[in-house]
Amino acid sequence: MSAGVELWSTSQLLTAAAHAVSNSWNRQLLSIGITHGGVITLRALQSGGPMTQADLARHMRVKNQTIGRTLHLFELQGWVLRAPAKDDKRLIFVRITNAGAAILDRAEELEKTLASEDLLPEDLRATLINIIQAQPPQPPSRIRGTNPFH
């Protein structure tokens, strides 16, 4: 533990703790070929169904370019499919594949075994959920296209 950590601001402590937990998870998840961020992306697609790349980026609170690079790699792995909207080829829809669902299942099983989960008291989890849910949602995209996966 760093000397003087007691003097850090709450935001510094949250950021450092998030990075430490994410790095621990990544070390474990890389053994099956995915990162923690990748698990979050696939989980969002599995729970939200097909959506535009822009809507996925907003949902995950990242930039469209960031999610685009991730989706490109996932497409190469066969974990997602991307296709232009039926009525507007500029819009790209994305959905999880069976292979993506399978790697997500493996990752979620692995996550259950991670020791760092045991270090997180349940009241901390509830507090973090409250902090995140208190943030205003990002507005949905005004541009709509017809989902090519339906």
C-alpha atoms as a PDB file:
ATOM      1  CA  MET A   1       0.000   0.000   0.000  1.00  0.00           C
ATOM      2  CA  SER A   2       1.314   3.443  -0.908  1.00  0.00           C
ATOM      3  CA  ALA A   3       2.478   5.699   1.873  1.00  0.00           C
ATOM      4  CA  GLY A   4       0.056   8.556   2.446  1.00  0.00           C
ATOM      5  CA  VAL A   5      -2.926   6.803   0.861  1.00  0.00           C
ATOM      6  CA  GLU A   6      -4.949   7.959   3.884  1.00  0.00           C
ATOM      7  CA  LEU A   7      -4.553  11.499   2.537  1.00  0.00           C
ATOM      8  CA  TRP A   8      -5.997  10.718  -0.897  1.00  0.00           C
ATOM      9  CA  SER A   9      -9.319  12.206  -1.916  1.00  0.00           C
ATOM     10  CA  THR A  10     -12.342   9.932  -2.169  1.00  0.00           C
ATOM     11  CA  SER A  11     -12.246  10.166  -5.961  1.00  0.00           C
ATOM     12  CA  GLN A  12      -8.572   9.093  -5.961  1.00  0.00           C
ATOM     13  CA  LEU A  13      -9.392   6.146  -3.715  1.00  0.00           C
ATOM     14  CA  LEU A  14     -12.332   5.061  -5.903  1.00  0.00           C
ATOM     15  CA  THR A  15     -10.258   5.352  -9.064  1.00  0.00           C
ATOM     16  CA  ALA A  16      -7.294   3.467  -7.607  1.00  0.00           C
ATOM     17  CA  ALA A  17      -9.542   0.733  -6.192  1.00  0.00           C
ATOM     18  CA  ALA A  18     -11.387   0.375  -9.514  1.00  0.00           C
ATOM     19  CA  HIS A  19      -8.095   0.068 -11.397  1.00  0.00           C
ATOM     20  CA  ALA A  20      -6.739  -2.472  -8.912  1.00  0.00           C
ATOM     21  CA  VAL A  21      -9.849  -4.672  -9.131  1.00  0.00           C
ATOM     22  CA  SER A  22     -10.051  -4.338 -12.927  1.00  0.00           C
ATOM     23  CA  ASN A  23      -6.356  -5.253 -13.295  1.00  0.00           C
ATOM     24  CA  SER A  24      -6.840  -8.297 -11.050  1.00  0.00           C
ATOM     25  CA  TRP A  25      -9.845  -9.431 -13.101  1.00  0.00           C
ATOM     26  CA  ASN A  26      -7.992  -8.799 -16.378  1.00  0.00           C
ATOM     27  CA  ARG A  27      -5.100 -11.011 -15.325  1.00  0.00           C
ATOM     28  CA  GLN A  28      -7.546 -13.858 -14.691  1.00  0.00           C
ATOM     29  CA  LEU A  29      -9.772 -13.231 -17.721  1.00  0.00           C
ATOM     30  CA  LEU A  30      -6.862 -13.012 -20.154  1.00  0.00           C
ATOM     31  CA  SER A  31      -6.339 -16.732 -19.551  1.00  0.00           C
ATOM     32  CA  ILE A  32      -9.510 -17.293 -21.611  1.00  0.00           C
ATOM     33  CA  GLY A  33      -8.774 -14.515 -24.098  1.00  0.00           C
ATOM     34  CA  ILE A  34     -10.975 -11.639 -22.942  1.00  0.00           C
ATOM     35  CA  THR A  35     -10.621  -8.534 -20.755  1.00  0.00           C
ATOM     36  CA  HIS A  36     -12.913  -7.192 -18.069  1.00  0.00           C
ATOM     37  CA  GLY A  37     -14.013  -4.422 -20.444  1.00  0.00           C
ATOM     38  CA  GLY A  38     -14.783  -7.072 -23.042  1.00  0.00           C
ATOM     39  CA  VAL A  39     -16.983  -8.940 -20.577  1.00  0.00           C
ATOM     40  CA  ILE A  40     -18.872  -5.719 -19.830  1.00  0.00           C
ATOM     41  CA  THR A  41     -19.363  -5.097 -23.560  1.00  0.00           C
ATOM     42  CA  LEU A  42     -20.682  -8.601 -24.258  1.00  0.00           C
ATOM     43  CA  ARG A  43     -22.899  -8.451 -21.171  1.00  0.00           C
ATOM     44  CA  ALA A  44     -24.434  -5.176 -22.404  1.00  0.00           C
ATOM     45  CA  LEU A  45     -25.145  -6.720 -25.806  1.00  0.00           C
ATOM     46  CA  GLN A  46     -26.593  -9.865 -24.278  1.00  0.00           C
ATOM     47  CA  SER A  47     -28.921  -7.978 -21.954  1.00  0.00           C
ATOM     48  CA  GLY A  48     -29.790  -5.134 -24.336  1.00  0.00           C
ATOM     49  CA  GLY A  49     -30.118  -7.097 -27.553  1.00  0.00           C
ATOM     50  CA  PRO A  50     -29.049  -5.731 -30.922  1.00  0.00           C
ATOM     51  CA  MET A  51     -28.358  -1.999 -30.846  1.00  0.00           C
ATOM     52  CA  THR A  52     -26.435   0.581 -32.763  1.00  0.00           C
ATOM     53  CA  GLN A  53     -22.756   0.926 -32.051  1.00  0.00           C
ATOM     54  CA  ALA A  54     -23.415   4.517 -30.930  1.00  0.00           C
ATOM     55  CA  ASP A  55     -26.131   3.425 -28.488  1.00  0.00           C
ATOM     56  CA  LEU A  56     -23.835   0.728 -27.087  1.00  0.00           C
ATOM     57  CA  ALA A  57     -21.094   3.319 -26.559  1.00  0.00           C
ATOM     58  CA  ARG A  58     -23.549   5.649 -24.781  1.00  0.00           C
ATOM     59  CA  HIS A  59     -24.874   2.777 -22.656  1.00  0.00           C
ATOM     60  CA  MET A  60     -21.321   1.902 -21.619  1.00  0.00           C
ATOM     61  CA  ARG A  61     -20.339   5.564 -21.158  1.00  0.00           C
ATOM     62  CA  VAL A  62     -17.410   5.347 -23.587  1.00  0.00           C
ATOM     63  CA  LYS A  63     -16.606   7.004 -26.892  1.00  0.00           C
ATOM     64  CA  ASN A  64     -17.946   5.498 -30.106  1.00  0.00           C
ATOM     65  CA  GLN A  65     -14.375   5.113 -31.422  1.00  0.00           C
ATOM     66  CA  THR A  66     -13.369   3.151 -28.309  1.00  0.00           C
ATOM     67  CA  ILE A  67     -16.236   0.693 -28.655  1.00  0.00           C
ATOM     68  CA  GLY A  68     -15.594   0.495 -32.397  1.00  0.00           C
ATOM     69  CA  ARG A  69     -12.078  -0.877 -31.851  1.00  0.00           C
ATOM     70  CA  THR A  70     -13.386  -3.409 -29.334  1.00  0.00           C
ATOM     71  CA  LEU A  71     -16.188  -4.505 -31.643  1.00  0.00           C
ATOM     72  CA  HIS A  72     -13.751  -4.913 -34.534  1.00  0.00           C
ATOM     73  CA  LEU A  73     -11.650  -7.315 -32.457  1.00  0.00           C
ATOM     74  CA  PHE A  74     -14.768  -9.148 -31.264  1.00  0.00           C
ATOM     75  CA  GLU A  75     -15.993  -9.481 -34.826  1.00  0.00           C
ATOM     76  CA  LEU A  76     -12.665 -11.094 -35.784  1.00  0.00           C
ATOM     77  CA  GLN A  77     -13.125 -13.539 -32.879  1.00  0.00           C
ATOM     78  CA  GLY A  78     -16.679 -14.303 -34.002  1.00  0.00           C
ATOM     79  CA  TRP A  79     -18.164 -12.948 -30.775  1.00  0.00           C
ATOM     80  CA  VAL A  80     -20.315 -10.221 -32.407  1.00  0.00           C
ATOM     81  CA  LEU A  81     -21.887  -9.470 -35.757  1.00  0.00           C
ATOM     82  CA  ARG A  82     -22.152  -5.953 -37.140  1.00  0.00           C
ATOM     83  CA  ALA A  83     -24.451  -4.951 -39.973  1.00  0.00           C
ATOM     84  CA  PRO A  84     -25.730  -1.689 -41.429  1.00  0.00           C
ATOM     85  CA  ALA A  85     -29.313  -0.660 -40.716  1.00  0.00           C
ATOM     86  CA  LYS A  86     -31.768  -1.775 -43.393  1.00  0.00           C
ATOM     87  CA  ASP A  87     -32.898   1.771 -44.141  1.00  0.00           C
ATOM     88  CA  ASP A  88     -29.723   3.775 -43.391  1.00  0.00           C
ATOM     89  CA  LYS A  89     -26.416   2.136 -44.227  1.00  0.00           C
ATOM     90  CA  ARG A  90     -24.529   4.748 -42.175  1.00  0.00           C
ATOM     91  CA  LEU A  91     -25.881   3.232 -38.947  1.00  0.00           C
ATOM     92  CA  ILE A  92     -24.161   0.090 -37.727  1.00  0.00           C
ATOM     93  CA  PHE A  93     -26.073  -2.381 -35.555  1.00  0.00           C
ATOM     94  CA  VAL A  94     -24.265  -4.949 -33.456  1.00  0.00           C
ATOM     95  CA  ARG A  95     -25.386  -8.141 -31.739  1.00  0.00           C
ATOM     96  CA  ILE A  96     -23.734 -10.893 -29.726  1.00  0.00           C
ATOM     97  CA  THR A  97     -23.259 -14.287 -31.421  1.00  0.00           C
ATOM     98  CA  ASN A  98     -23.510 -17.772 -29.904  1.00  0.00           C
ATOM     99  CA  ALA A  99     -19.706 -17.812 -29.660  1.00  0.00           C
ATOM    100  CA  GLY A 100     -19.840 -14.454 -27.844  1.00  0.00           C
ATOM    101  CA  ALA A 101     -22.448 -15.797 -25.427  1.00  0.00           C
ATOM    102  CA  ALA A 102     -20.257 -18.857 -24.793  1.00  0.00           C
ATOM    103  CA  ILE A 103     -17.141 -16.802 -23.974  1.00  0.00           C
ATOM    104  CA  LEU A 104     -19.298 -14.566 -21.766  1.00  0.00           C
ATOM    105  CA  ASP A 105     -20.550 -17.640 -19.863  1.00  0.00           C
ATOM    106  CA  ARG A 106     -16.959 -18.799 -19.357  1.00  0.00           C
ATOM    107  CA  ALA A 107     -15.892 -15.348 -18.196  1.00  0.00           C
ATOM    108  CA  GLU A 108     -18.784 -15.050 -15.756  1.00  0.00           C
ATOM    109  CA  GLU A 109     -17.923 -18.449 -14.253  1.00  0.00           C
ATOM    110  CA  LEU A 110     -14.328 -17.314 -13.862  1.00  0.00           C
ATOM    111  CA  GLU A 111     -15.401 -14.000 -12.309  1.00  0.00           C
ATOM    112  CA  LYS A 112     -17.329 -15.901  -9.623  1.00  0.00           C
ATOM    113  CA  THR A 113     -14.080 -17.496  -8.479  1.00  0.00           C
ATOM    114  CA  LEU A 114     -12.015 -14.325  -8.293  1.00  0.00           C
ATOM    115  CA  ALA A 115     -10.660 -13.687  -4.824  1.00  0.00           C
ATOM    116  CA  SER A 116     -11.118  -9.934  -5.152  1.00  0.00           C
ATOM    117  CA  GLU A 117     -14.912 -10.399  -5.063  1.00  0.00           C
ATOM    118  CA  ASP A 118     -14.589 -11.810  -1.567  1.00  0.00           C
ATOM    119  CA  LEU A 119     -12.874  -8.605  -0.460  1.00  0.00           C
ATOM    120  CA  LEU A 120     -15.851  -6.437  -1.419  1.00  0.00           C
ATOM    121  CA  PRO A 121     -18.436  -6.139   1.331  1.00  0.00           C
ATOM    122  CA  GLU A 122     -22.042  -6.204   0.125  1.00  0.00           C
ATOM    123  CA  ASP A 123     -22.747  -2.703   1.513  1.00  0.00           C
ATOM    124  CA  LEU A 124     -19.930  -1.315  -0.674  1.00  0.00           C
ATOM    125  CA  ARG A 125     -21.563  -2.890  -3.727  1.00  0.00           C
ATOM    126  CA  ALA A 126     -24.907  -1.291  -2.851  1.00  0.00           C
ATOM    127  CA  THR A 127     -23.241   2.103  -2.349  1.00  0.00           C
ATOM    128  CA  LEU A 128     -21.468   1.887  -5.719  1.00  0.00           C
ATOM    129  CA  ILE A 129     -24.736   0.961  -7.443  1.00  0.00           C
ATOM    130  CA  ASN A 130     -26.428   3.998  -5.842  1.00  0.00           C
ATOM    131  CA  ILE A 131     -23.627   6.315  -7.003  1.00  0.00           C
ATOM    132  CA  ILE A 132     -23.848   5.074 -10.585  1.00  0.00           C
ATOM    133  CA  GLN A 133     -27.650   5.115 -10.707  1.00  0.00           C
ATOM    134  CA  ALA A 134     -27.678   8.703  -9.398  1.00  0.00           C
ATOM    135  CA  GLN A 135     -25.850   9.870 -12.532  1.00  0.00           C
ATOM    136  CA  PRO A 136     -28.076  11.226 -15.298  1.00  0.00           C
ATOM    137  CA  PRO A 137     -28.386   8.793 -18.198  1.00  0.00           C
ATOM    138  CA  GLN A 138     -26.864   9.723 -21.504  1.00  0.00           C
ATOM    139  CA  PRO A 139     -29.544  10.643 -24.049  1.00  0.00           C
ATOM    140  CA  PRO A 140     -30.309   8.064 -26.727  1.00  0.00           C
ATOM    141  CA  SER A 141     -29.241   8.686 -30.275  1.00  0.00           C
ATOM    142  CA  ARG A 142     -31.679  10.817 -32.287  1.00  0.00           C
ATOM    143  CA  ILE A 143     -30.732   8.928 -35.418  1.00  0.00           C
ATOM    144  CA  ARG A 144     -32.703   5.733 -35.852  1.00  0.00           C
ATOM    145  CA  GLY A 145     -32.425   2.948 -38.335  1.00  0.00           C
ATOM    146  CA  THR A 146     -34.120  -0.373 -38.867  1.00  0.00           C
ATOM    147  CA  ASN A 147     -32.374  -3.213 -37.041  1.00  0.00           C
ATOM    148  CA  PRO A 148     -30.944  -5.612 -39.637  1.00  0.00           C
ATOM    149  CA  PHE A 149     -31.052  -8.521 -37.163  1.00  0.00           C
ATOM    150  CA  HIS A 150     -34.871  -8.660 -36.987  1.00  0.00           C
END
